[in-house]
Amino acid sequence: MNRDDGAPAAPALQLRNAGARVGGRWIWRGVDLEVPRGELIAVLGPNGAGKSTLLKAVLGLLPLSEGEVRVLGAPARRGDARIGYLPQRRSFDPDLRVRGLDLVRLGLDGARWGFPLPLRGESARRVDQAIERAGAGAYAHRPVGELSGGEQQRLLIAQALVSEPALLLLDEPLESLDISNQRAISALVQSICREQRVTVLLVAHDVNPILTYLDRVVYVAGGGAVAGRPAEVITTATLSRLYGVPIEVLTAGDGRLVVVGQPETASFHGHEHH
């Protein structure tokens, strides 16, 4: 993607010799990554490897202990309006009467105190457009507590889109959804990425529901990270090097990728309880 003056746009995300510590412990360090604009990227890795820590660094919520992180050509900073963020899935009480429409508008005025102002003009346009992009128009006026998990997730994605971001960060958006909803949300995220030219960084526990939609992956493990096309990164050789121990990547009969031989704290890309 080029800027209006013809010069190439800066990458969506750059990390140079980056390191993050939490509670005096290194989560990862020596990380060099570059994420092009307009792509859908999954952040993968075992539990506790630092996937969410990476998102916090991009959001400017966690200053790096060493190195540099640049977002859309500028140093990462808290409150960057160019970034849309969906945190790990929250649960909604079935009795919650807040409408989907009101949930989405929190992406615009959720920081205000007092009663929300009536939606007019540009604000109304943004809310309506975000709901349309997320495919949530049919139930946007219904109470959130009455909706299915997939419908709620579409509204939360609309909330993250309402500020019209250039970079969208999604932390485990497929968690707690059934297979059909995982695929539907994955297809939705890909269409947003393609049609709106929004760069998407999606943290996932299981790569299989999203594998066919991805442009590349960032795999975090062993205190470091590697990035590339899925076929380049999720391999026996690459993961063995990243973990520093023998790792084997197998393809199951149904096409699922299964990573075996990981350290005990790691999870694998398949069904959790196998």
C-alpha atoms as a PDB file:
ATOM      1  CA  MET A   1       0.000   0.000   0.000  1.00  0.00           C
ATOM      2  CA  ASN A   2       1.281   3.475  -0.932  1.00  0.00           C
ATOM      3  CA  ARG A   3       0.658   6.866   0.606  1.00  0.00           C
ATOM      4  CA  ASP A   4      -1.035   9.647  -1.372  1.00  0.00           C
ATOM      5  CA  ASP A   5       2.378  11.101  -2.267  1.00  0.00           C
ATOM      6  CA  GLY A   6       3.396   7.815  -3.904  1.00  0.00           C
ATOM      7  CA  ALA A   7       5.850   6.754  -1.181  1.00  0.00           C
ATOM      8  CA  PRO A   8       5.365   3.274   0.327  1.00  0.00           C
ATOM      9  CA  ALA A   9       3.349   3.325   3.560  1.00  0.00           C
ATOM     10  CA  ALA A  10       5.116   2.249   6.730  1.00  0.00           C
ATOM     11  CA  PRO A  11       4.383  -1.319   7.868  1.00  0.00           C
ATOM     12  CA  ALA A  12       1.392  -1.751  10.141  1.00  0.00           C
ATOM     13  CA  LEU A  13       3.643  -3.059  12.899  1.00  0.00           C
ATOM     14  CA  GLN A  14       7.396  -3.190  13.492  1.00  0.00           C
ATOM     15  CA  LEU A  15       9.295  -4.646  16.443  1.00  0.00           C
ATOM     16  CA  ARG A  16      13.063  -4.247  16.601  1.00  0.00           C
ATOM     17  CA  ASN A  17      15.071  -6.210  19.177  1.00  0.00           C
ATOM     18  CA  ALA A  18      11.972  -5.971  21.363  1.00  0.00           C
ATOM     19  CA  GLY A  19      11.781  -7.422  24.849  1.00  0.00           C
ATOM     20  CA  ALA A  20       8.998  -7.419  27.458  1.00  0.00           C
ATOM     21  CA  ARG A  21       9.246  -8.190  31.163  1.00  0.00           C
ATOM     22  CA  VAL A  22       6.348  -8.725  33.553  1.00  0.00           C
ATOM     23  CA  GLY A  23       6.955  -9.030  37.288  1.00  0.00           C
ATOM     24  CA  GLY A  24      10.712  -9.066  36.748  1.00  0.00           C
ATOM     25  CA  ARG A  25      10.509 -12.036  34.357  1.00  0.00           C
ATOM     26  CA  TRP A  26      11.288 -11.872  30.648  1.00  0.00           C
ATOM     27  CA  ILE A  27       8.237 -12.922  28.633  1.00  0.00           C
ATOM     28  CA  TRP A  28      10.080 -12.604  25.321  1.00  0.00           C
ATOM     29  CA  ARG A  29      13.091 -10.672  24.068  1.00  0.00           C
ATOM     30  CA  GLY A  30      15.176 -10.148  20.944  1.00  0.00           C
ATOM     31  CA  VAL A  31      11.995 -10.114  18.836  1.00  0.00           C
ATOM     32  CA  ASP A  32      12.179  -8.652  15.314  1.00  0.00           C
ATOM     33  CA  LEU A  33       8.874  -8.568  13.432  1.00  0.00           C
ATOM     34  CA  GLU A  34       7.413  -6.647  10.529  1.00  0.00           C
ATOM     35  CA  VAL A  35       3.712  -6.868   9.664  1.00  0.00           C
ATOM     36  CA  PRO A  36       2.619  -5.455   6.268  1.00  0.00           C
ATOM     37  CA  ARG A  37      -0.534  -3.399   5.953  1.00  0.00           C
ATOM     38  CA  GLY A  38      -3.798  -4.913   4.823  1.00  0.00           C
ATOM     39  CA  GLU A  39      -3.116  -8.481   5.949  1.00  0.00           C
ATOM     40  CA  LEU A  40      -4.782 -10.903   8.362  1.00  0.00           C
ATOM     41  CA  ILE A  41      -2.207 -12.236  10.817  1.00  0.00           C
ATOM     42  CA  ALA A  42      -2.739 -14.795  13.588  1.00  0.00           C
ATOM     43  CA  VAL A  43      -0.664 -14.642  16.768  1.00  0.00           C
ATOM     44  CA  LEU A  44      -0.198 -18.243  17.892  1.00  0.00           C
ATOM     45  CA  GLY A  45       1.646 -20.048  20.650  1.00  0.00           C
ATOM     46  CA  PRO A  46       1.218 -21.936  23.918  1.00  0.00           C
ATOM     47  CA  ASN A  47      -0.591 -20.570  26.946  1.00  0.00           C
ATOM     48  CA  GLY A  48       1.591 -18.103  28.841  1.00  0.00           C
ATOM     49  CA  ALA A  49       3.994 -17.528  25.952  1.00  0.00           C
ATOM     50  CA  GLY A  50       3.191 -13.814  25.724  1.00  0.00           C
ATOM     51  CA  LYS A  51       0.590 -13.450  22.966  1.00  0.00           C
ATOM     52  CA  SER A  52      -1.572 -11.005  24.925  1.00  0.00           C
ATOM     53  CA  THR A  53       1.586  -9.275  26.157  1.00  0.00           C
ATOM     54  CA  LEU A  54       2.402  -8.536  22.520  1.00  0.00           C
ATOM     55  CA  LEU A  55      -0.983  -6.873  22.047  1.00  0.00           C
ATOM     56  CA  LYS A  56      -0.476  -4.782  25.194  1.00  0.00           C
ATOM     57  CA  ALA A  57       2.875  -3.585  23.847  1.00  0.00           C
ATOM     58  CA  VAL A  58       1.253  -2.608  20.542  1.00  0.00           C
ATOM     59  CA  LEU A  59      -1.499  -0.745  22.426  1.00  0.00           C
ATOM     60  CA  GLY A  60       1.085   1.158  24.457  1.00  0.00           C
ATOM     61  CA  LEU A  61      -0.257  -0.376  27.682  1.00  0.00           C
ATOM     62  CA  LEU A  62       3.012  -2.168  28.450  1.00  0.00           C
ATOM     63  CA  PRO A  63       6.246  -0.276  27.753  1.00  0.00           C
ATOM     64  CA  LEU A  64       8.970  -2.489  26.315  1.00  0.00           C
ATOM     65  CA  SER A  65      11.917  -3.297  28.575  1.00  0.00           C
ATOM     66  CA  GLU A  66      14.200  -3.113  25.552  1.00  0.00           C
ATOM     67  CA  GLY A  67      13.996  -2.412  21.832  1.00  0.00           C
ATOM     68  CA  GLU A  68      11.283  -0.583  19.922  1.00  0.00           C
ATOM     69  CA  VAL A  69       7.721  -1.099  18.703  1.00  0.00           C
ATOM     70  CA  ARG A  70       6.268   1.121  15.969  1.00  0.00           C
ATOM     71  CA  VAL A  71       2.613   1.112  14.961  1.00  0.00           C
ATOM     72  CA  LEU A  72       1.580   2.488  11.556  1.00  0.00           C
ATOM     73  CA  GLY A  73       4.880   4.343  11.302  1.00  0.00           C
ATOM     74  CA  ALA A  74       4.899   5.914  14.795  1.00  0.00           C
ATOM     75  CA  PRO A  75       5.994   4.769  18.283  1.00  0.00           C
ATOM     76  CA  ALA A  76       3.328   2.754  20.107  1.00  0.00           C
ATOM     77  CA  ARG A  77       1.258   4.914  22.445  1.00  0.00           C
ATOM     78  CA  ARG A  78      -1.718   4.487  24.720  1.00  0.00           C
ATOM     79  CA  GLY A  79      -5.044   5.670  23.290  1.00  0.00           C
ATOM     80  CA  ASP A  80      -4.078   5.537  19.611  1.00  0.00           C
ATOM     81  CA  ALA A  81      -7.360   6.172  17.761  1.00  0.00           C
ATOM     82  CA  ARG A  82      -5.999   4.343  14.704  1.00  0.00           C
ATOM     83  CA  ILE A  83      -6.226   1.033  16.574  1.00  0.00           C
ATOM     84  CA  GLY A  84      -9.421  -0.921  17.237  1.00  0.00           C
ATOM     85  CA  TYR A  85      -9.212  -3.439  20.067  1.00  0.00           C
ATOM     86  CA  LEU A  86     -11.383  -6.373  21.125  1.00  0.00           C
ATOM     87  CA  PRO A  87     -10.163  -7.865  24.446  1.00  0.00           C
ATOM     88  CA  GLN A  88     -10.637 -11.481  25.427  1.00  0.00           C
ATOM     89  CA  ARG A  89     -14.289 -12.457  25.333  1.00  0.00           C
ATOM     90  CA  ARG A  90     -16.430 -11.235  28.190  1.00  0.00           C
ATOM     91  CA  SER A  91     -19.647 -12.976  29.177  1.00  0.00           C
ATOM     92  CA  PHE A  92     -22.958 -11.116  29.175  1.00  0.00           C
ATOM     93  CA  ASP A  93     -25.690 -11.760  31.724  1.00  0.00           C
ATOM     94  CA  PRO A  94     -28.785 -13.203  30.012  1.00  0.00           C
ATOM     95  CA  ASP A  95     -30.850 -10.474  31.690  1.00  0.00           C
ATOM     96  CA  LEU A  96     -28.728  -7.635  30.248  1.00  0.00           C
ATOM     97  CA  ARG A  97     -31.138  -5.260  28.495  1.00  0.00           C
ATOM     98  CA  VAL A  98     -28.548  -3.061  26.757  1.00  0.00           C
ATOM     99  CA  ARG A  99     -29.235  -3.078  23.016  1.00  0.00           C
ATOM    100  CA  GLY A 100     -26.607  -4.208  20.543  1.00  0.00           C
ATOM    101  CA  LEU A 101     -26.685  -0.714  19.051  1.00  0.00           C
ATOM    102  CA  ASP A 102     -25.736   0.806  22.422  1.00  0.00           C
ATOM    103  CA  LEU A 103     -22.931  -1.712  22.880  1.00  0.00           C
ATOM    104  CA  VAL A 104     -21.436  -0.693  19.530  1.00  0.00           C
ATOM    105  CA  ARG A 105     -21.645   3.041  20.261  1.00  0.00           C
ATOM    106  CA  LEU A 106     -19.471   2.518  23.366  1.00  0.00           C
ATOM    107  CA  GLY A 107     -16.609   2.347  20.874  1.00  0.00           C
ATOM    108  CA  LEU A 108     -17.246   6.049  20.227  1.00  0.00           C
ATOM    109  CA  ASP A 109     -18.332   7.553  23.563  1.00  0.00           C
ATOM    110  CA  GLY A 110     -17.683   4.815  26.137  1.00  0.00           C
ATOM    111  CA  ALA A 111     -15.213   7.066  27.964  1.00  0.00           C
ATOM    112  CA  ARG A 112     -17.875   9.722  28.642  1.00  0.00           C
ATOM    113  CA  TRP A 113     -19.484  10.192  32.025  1.00  0.00           C
ATOM    114  CA  GLY A 114     -23.255  10.549  32.315  1.00  0.00           C
ATOM    115  CA  PHE A 115     -26.062   9.702  29.940  1.00  0.00           C
ATOM    116  CA  PRO A 116     -25.126   8.984  26.320  1.00  0.00           C
ATOM    117  CA  LEU A 117     -25.859  11.725  23.840  1.00  0.00           C
ATOM    118  CA  PRO A 118     -28.368  11.036  21.030  1.00  0.00           C
ATOM    119  CA  LEU A 119     -26.778   9.567  17.939  1.00  0.00           C
ATOM    120  CA  ARG A 120     -26.686  12.118  15.148  1.00  0.00           C
ATOM    121  CA  GLY A 121     -24.758  12.944  12.011  1.00  0.00           C
ATOM    122  CA  GLU A 122     -21.274  11.446  11.727  1.00  0.00           C
ATOM    123  CA  SER A 123     -21.588   9.422  14.949  1.00  0.00           C
ATOM    124  CA  ALA A 124     -24.789   7.763  13.753  1.00  0.00           C
ATOM    125  CA  ARG A 125     -23.208   7.032  10.377  1.00  0.00           C
ATOM    126  CA  ARG A 126     -20.195   5.379  11.997  1.00  0.00           C
ATOM    127  CA  VAL A 127     -22.303   3.187  14.268  1.00  0.00           C
ATOM    128  CA  ASP A 128     -24.624   2.115  11.436  1.00  0.00           C
ATOM    129  CA  GLN A 129     -21.680   1.406   9.134  1.00  0.00           C
ATOM    130  CA  ALA A 130     -19.809  -0.652  11.753  1.00  0.00           C
ATOM    131  CA  ILE A 131     -22.920  -2.742  12.428  1.00  0.00           C
ATOM    132  CA  GLU A 132     -23.403  -3.296   8.698  1.00  0.00           C
ATOM    133  CA  ARG A 133     -19.755  -4.296   8.211  1.00  0.00           C
ATOM    134  CA  ALA A 134     -20.062  -6.827  11.032  1.00  0.00           C
ATOM    135  CA  GLY A 135     -23.266  -8.271   9.554  1.00  0.00           C
ATOM    136  CA  ALA A 136     -25.167  -7.533  12.777  1.00  0.00           C
ATOM    137  CA  GLY A 137     -28.000  -5.350  11.488  1.00  0.00           C
ATOM    138  CA  ALA A 138     -30.730  -7.956  11.991  1.00  0.00           C
ATOM    139  CA  TYR A 139     -30.372  -7.947  15.793  1.00  0.00           C
ATOM    140  CA  ALA A 140     -28.684  -4.624  16.609  1.00  0.00           C
ATOM    141  CA  HIS A 141     -31.856  -3.337  18.344  1.00  0.00           C
ATOM    142  CA  ARG A 142     -32.310  -6.451  20.501  1.00  0.00           C
ATOM    143  CA  PRO A 143     -30.986  -6.790  24.082  1.00  0.00           C
ATOM    144  CA  VAL A 144     -27.458  -8.208  24.093  1.00  0.00           C
ATOM    145  CA  GLY A 145     -28.337 -10.800  26.762  1.00  0.00           C
ATOM    146  CA  GLU A 146     -30.816 -12.468  24.392  1.00  0.00           C
ATOM    147  CA  LEU A 147     -28.286 -13.004  21.602  1.00  0.00           C
ATOM    148  CA  SER A 148     -26.161 -16.039  20.778  1.00  0.00           C
ATOM    149  CA  GLY A 149     -22.410 -16.080  21.328  1.00  0.00           C
ATOM    150  CA  GLY A 150     -21.726 -15.562  17.623  1.00  0.00           C
ATOM    151  CA  GLU A 151     -24.151 -12.618  17.436  1.00  0.00           C
ATOM    152  CA  GLN A 152     -22.592 -11.003  20.507  1.00  0.00           C
ATOM    153  CA  GLN A 153     -19.136 -11.405  19.017  1.00  0.00           C
ATOM    154  CA  ARG A 154     -20.190  -9.689  15.791  1.00  0.00           C
ATOM    155  CA  LEU A 155     -21.448  -6.722  17.812  1.00  0.00           C
ATOM    156  CA  LEU A 156     -18.173  -6.567  19.762  1.00  0.00           C
ATOM    157  CA  ILE A 157     -16.241  -6.573  16.485  1.00  0.00           C
ATOM    158  CA  ALA A 158     -18.506  -3.747  15.299  1.00  0.00           C
ATOM    159  CA  GLN A 159     -17.650  -1.873  18.502  1.00  0.00           C
ATOM    160  CA  ALA A 160     -13.936  -2.226  17.683  1.00  0.00           C
ATOM    161  CA  LEU A 161     -14.599  -1.039  14.106  1.00  0.00           C
ATOM    162  CA  VAL A 162     -16.704   2.020  14.930  1.00  0.00           C
ATOM    163  CA  SER A 163     -13.657   4.299  15.256  1.00  0.00           C
ATOM    164  CA  GLU A 164     -12.690   3.288  11.682  1.00  0.00           C
ATOM    165  CA  PRO A 165      -9.251   1.944  12.675  1.00  0.00           C
ATOM    166  CA  ALA A 166      -6.377   1.115  10.365  1.00  0.00           C
ATOM    167  CA  LEU A 167      -5.228  -1.704  12.694  1.00  0.00           C
ATOM    168  CA  LEU A 168      -7.596  -4.118  14.430  1.00  0.00           C
ATOM    169  CA  LEU A 169      -6.412  -6.213  17.395  1.00  0.00           C
ATOM    170  CA  LEU A 170      -8.579  -9.196  18.354  1.00  0.00           C
ATOM    171  CA  ASP A 171      -7.669 -11.183  21.483  1.00  0.00           C
ATOM    172  CA  GLU A 172      -9.103 -14.729  21.277  1.00  0.00           C
ATOM    173  CA  PRO A 173     -12.262 -13.736  19.322  1.00  0.00           C
ATOM    174  CA  LEU A 174     -13.087 -17.393  18.576  1.00  0.00           C
ATOM    175  CA  GLU A 175     -12.914 -18.599  22.169  1.00  0.00           C
ATOM    176  CA  SER A 176     -16.125 -20.270  23.453  1.00  0.00           C
ATOM    177  CA  LEU A 177     -17.702 -20.344  19.982  1.00  0.00           C
ATOM    178  CA  ASP A 178     -18.776 -23.525  18.211  1.00  0.00           C
ATOM    179  CA  ILE A 179     -17.088 -24.588  14.976  1.00  0.00           C
ATOM    180  CA  SER A 180     -19.678 -23.022  12.663  1.00  0.00           C
ATOM    181  CA  ASN A 181     -19.482 -19.675  14.454  1.00  0.00           C
ATOM    182  CA  GLN A 182     -15.670 -19.837  14.511  1.00  0.00           C
ATOM    183  CA  ARG A 183     -15.654 -20.186  10.741  1.00  0.00           C
ATOM    184  CA  ALA A 184     -18.286 -17.468  10.281  1.00  0.00           C
ATOM    185  CA  ILE A 185     -16.344 -14.994  12.444  1.00  0.00           C
ATOM    186  CA  SER A 186     -13.083 -15.923  10.674  1.00  0.00           C
ATOM    187  CA  ALA A 187     -14.696 -15.237   7.287  1.00  0.00           C
ATOM    188  CA  LEU A 188     -16.088 -11.939   8.598  1.00  0.00           C
ATOM    189  CA  VAL A 189     -12.667 -10.815   9.832  1.00  0.00           C
ATOM    190  CA  GLN A 190     -11.089 -11.715   6.489  1.00  0.00           C
ATOM    191  CA  SER A 191     -13.743  -9.721   4.577  1.00  0.00           C
ATOM    192  CA  ILE A 192     -13.124  -6.687   6.823  1.00  0.00           C
ATOM    193  CA  CYS A 193      -9.405  -7.017   6.150  1.00  0.00           C
ATOM    194  CA  ARG A 194      -9.830  -7.317   2.372  1.00  0.00           C
ATOM    195  CA  GLU A 195     -12.657  -4.872   1.731  1.00  0.00           C
ATOM    196  CA  GLN A 196     -11.751  -2.159   4.259  1.00  0.00           C
ATOM    197  CA  ARG A 197      -7.952  -2.567   3.982  1.00  0.00           C
ATOM    198  CA  VAL A 198      -7.750  -2.970   7.750  1.00  0.00           C
ATOM    199  CA  THR A 199      -4.713  -4.828   9.079  1.00  0.00           C
ATOM    200  CA  VAL A 200      -5.880  -7.486  11.558  1.00  0.00           C
ATOM    201  CA  LEU A 201      -3.798  -9.056  14.326  1.00  0.00           C
ATOM    202  CA  LEU A 202      -5.776 -11.951  15.808  1.00  0.00           C
ATOM    203  CA  VAL A 203      -4.669 -13.945  18.861  1.00  0.00           C
ATOM    204  CA  ALA A 204      -5.820 -17.562  18.633  1.00  0.00           C
ATOM    205  CA  HIS A 205      -5.390 -20.750  20.605  1.00  0.00           C
ATOM    206  CA  ASP A 206      -6.292 -23.040  17.707  1.00  0.00           C
ATOM    207  CA  VAL A 207      -5.092 -22.222  14.192  1.00  0.00           C
ATOM    208  CA  ASN A 208      -7.324 -24.723  12.417  1.00  0.00           C
ATOM    209  CA  PRO A 209     -10.590 -22.722  12.147  1.00  0.00           C
ATOM    210  CA  ILE A 210      -8.712 -19.728  10.679  1.00  0.00           C
ATOM    211  CA  LEU A 211      -5.884 -21.363   8.754  1.00  0.00           C
ATOM    212  CA  THR A 212      -7.403 -20.942   5.287  1.00  0.00           C
ATOM    213  CA  TYR A 213      -8.122 -17.242   5.918  1.00  0.00           C
ATOM    214  CA  LEU A 214      -4.631 -16.185   7.054  1.00  0.00           C
ATOM    215  CA  ASP A 215      -1.962 -14.257   5.178  1.00  0.00           C
ATOM    216  CA  ARG A 216       0.726 -15.008   7.766  1.00  0.00           C
ATOM    217  CA  VAL A 217       1.289 -16.030  11.379  1.00  0.00           C
ATOM    218  CA  VAL A 218       3.363 -14.815  14.295  1.00  0.00           C
ATOM    219  CA  TYR A 219       4.300 -17.759  16.512  1.00  0.00           C
ATOM    220  CA  VAL A 220       5.324 -16.845  20.073  1.00  0.00           C
ATOM    221  CA  ALA A 221       7.123 -19.466  22.179  1.00  0.00           C
ATOM    222  CA  GLY A 222      10.314 -20.143  24.082  1.00  0.00           C
ATOM    223  CA  GLY A 223      10.839 -16.468  24.922  1.00  0.00           C
ATOM    224  CA  GLY A 224      10.955 -15.432  21.249  1.00  0.00           C
ATOM    225  CA  ALA A 225       8.829 -15.177  18.114  1.00  0.00           C
ATOM    226  CA  VAL A 226       8.973 -15.963  14.400  1.00  0.00           C
ATOM    227  CA  ALA A 227       6.745 -14.672  11.606  1.00  0.00           C
ATOM    228  CA  GLY A 228       5.954 -15.755   8.060  1.00  0.00           C
ATOM    229  CA  ARG A 229       3.444 -17.575   5.908  1.00  0.00           C
ATOM    230  CA  PRO A 230       1.691 -20.433   7.779  1.00  0.00           C
ATOM    231  CA  ALA A 231       3.490 -23.068   5.693  1.00  0.00           C
ATOM    232  CA  GLU A 232       6.834 -21.465   6.577  1.00  0.00           C
ATOM    233  CA  VAL A 233       6.288 -21.102  10.336  1.00  0.00           C
ATOM    234  CA  ILE A 234       4.151 -24.054  11.455  1.00  0.00           C
ATOM    235  CA  THR A 235       6.745 -26.661  10.544  1.00  0.00           C
ATOM    236  CA  THR A 236       8.801 -29.212  12.441  1.00  0.00           C
ATOM    237  CA  ALA A 237      12.064 -27.399  11.721  1.00  0.00           C
ATOM    238  CA  THR A 238      10.895 -23.868  12.579  1.00  0.00           C
ATOM    239  CA  LEU A 239       9.092 -24.754  15.820  1.00  0.00           C
ATOM    240  CA  SER A 240      11.936 -27.007  16.973  1.00  0.00           C
ATOM    241  CA  ARG A 241      14.308 -24.075  16.544  1.00  0.00           C
ATOM    242  CA  LEU A 242      11.948 -21.707  18.344  1.00  0.00           C
ATOM    243  CA  TYR A 243      11.369 -23.991  21.330  1.00  0.00           C
ATOM    244  CA  GLY A 244      14.936 -25.285  21.428  1.00  0.00           C
ATOM    245  CA  VAL A 245      13.641 -28.875  21.747  1.00  0.00           C
ATOM    246  CA  PRO A 246      12.404 -31.428  19.177  1.00  0.00           C
ATOM    247  CA  ILE A 247       8.889 -30.504  17.985  1.00  0.00           C
ATOM    248  CA  GLU A 248       6.884 -32.351  15.368  1.00  0.00           C
ATOM    249  CA  VAL A 249       4.079 -30.901  13.240  1.00  0.00           C
ATOM    250  CA  LEU A 250       1.632 -33.507  11.973  1.00  0.00           C
ATOM    251  CA  THR A 251      -1.357 -33.223   9.650  1.00  0.00           C
ATOM    252  CA  ALA A 252      -4.384 -35.207  10.804  1.00  0.00           C
ATOM    253  CA  GLY A 253      -6.709 -36.998   8.400  1.00  0.00           C
ATOM    254  CA  ASP A 254      -9.185 -34.100   8.502  1.00  0.00           C
ATOM    255  CA  GLY A 255      -6.470 -31.568   7.688  1.00  0.00           C
ATOM    256  CA  ARG A 256      -5.943 -30.301  11.242  1.00  0.00           C
ATOM    257  CA  LEU A 257      -2.421 -29.363  12.266  1.00  0.00           C
ATOM    258  CA  VAL A 258      -1.224 -31.010  15.466  1.00  0.00           C
ATOM    259  CA  VAL A 259       1.955 -29.851  17.195  1.00  0.00           C
ATOM    260  CA  VAL A 260       3.452 -32.551  19.439  1.00  0.00           C
ATOM    261  CA  GLY A 261       6.489 -32.766  21.682  1.00  0.00           C
ATOM    262  CA  GLN A 262       6.065 -29.267  23.142  1.00  0.00           C
ATOM    263  CA  PRO A 263       7.115 -28.295  26.665  1.00  0.00           C
ATOM    264  CA  GLU A 264       4.487 -29.098  29.275  1.00  0.00           C
ATOM    265  CA  THR A 265       3.103 -25.560  29.470  1.00  0.00           C
ATOM    266  CA  ALA A 266       2.315 -25.469  25.769  1.00  0.00           C
ATOM    267  CA  SER A 267      -0.981 -26.237  24.120  1.00  0.00           C
ATOM    268  CA  PHE A 268      -1.350 -27.645  20.637  1.00  0.00           C
ATOM    269  CA  HIS A 269      -3.324 -26.625  17.578  1.00  0.00           C
ATOM    270  CA  GLY A 270      -6.100 -29.114  17.673  1.00  0.00           C
ATOM    271  CA  HIS A 271      -8.956 -29.877  20.026  1.00  0.00           C
ATOM    272  CA  GLU A 272      -7.861 -28.991  23.559  1.00  0.00           C
ATOM    273  CA  HIS A 273      -8.818 -32.230  25.236  1.00  0.00           C
ATOM    274  CA  HIS A 274      -7.199 -34.681  22.822  1.00  0.00           C
END
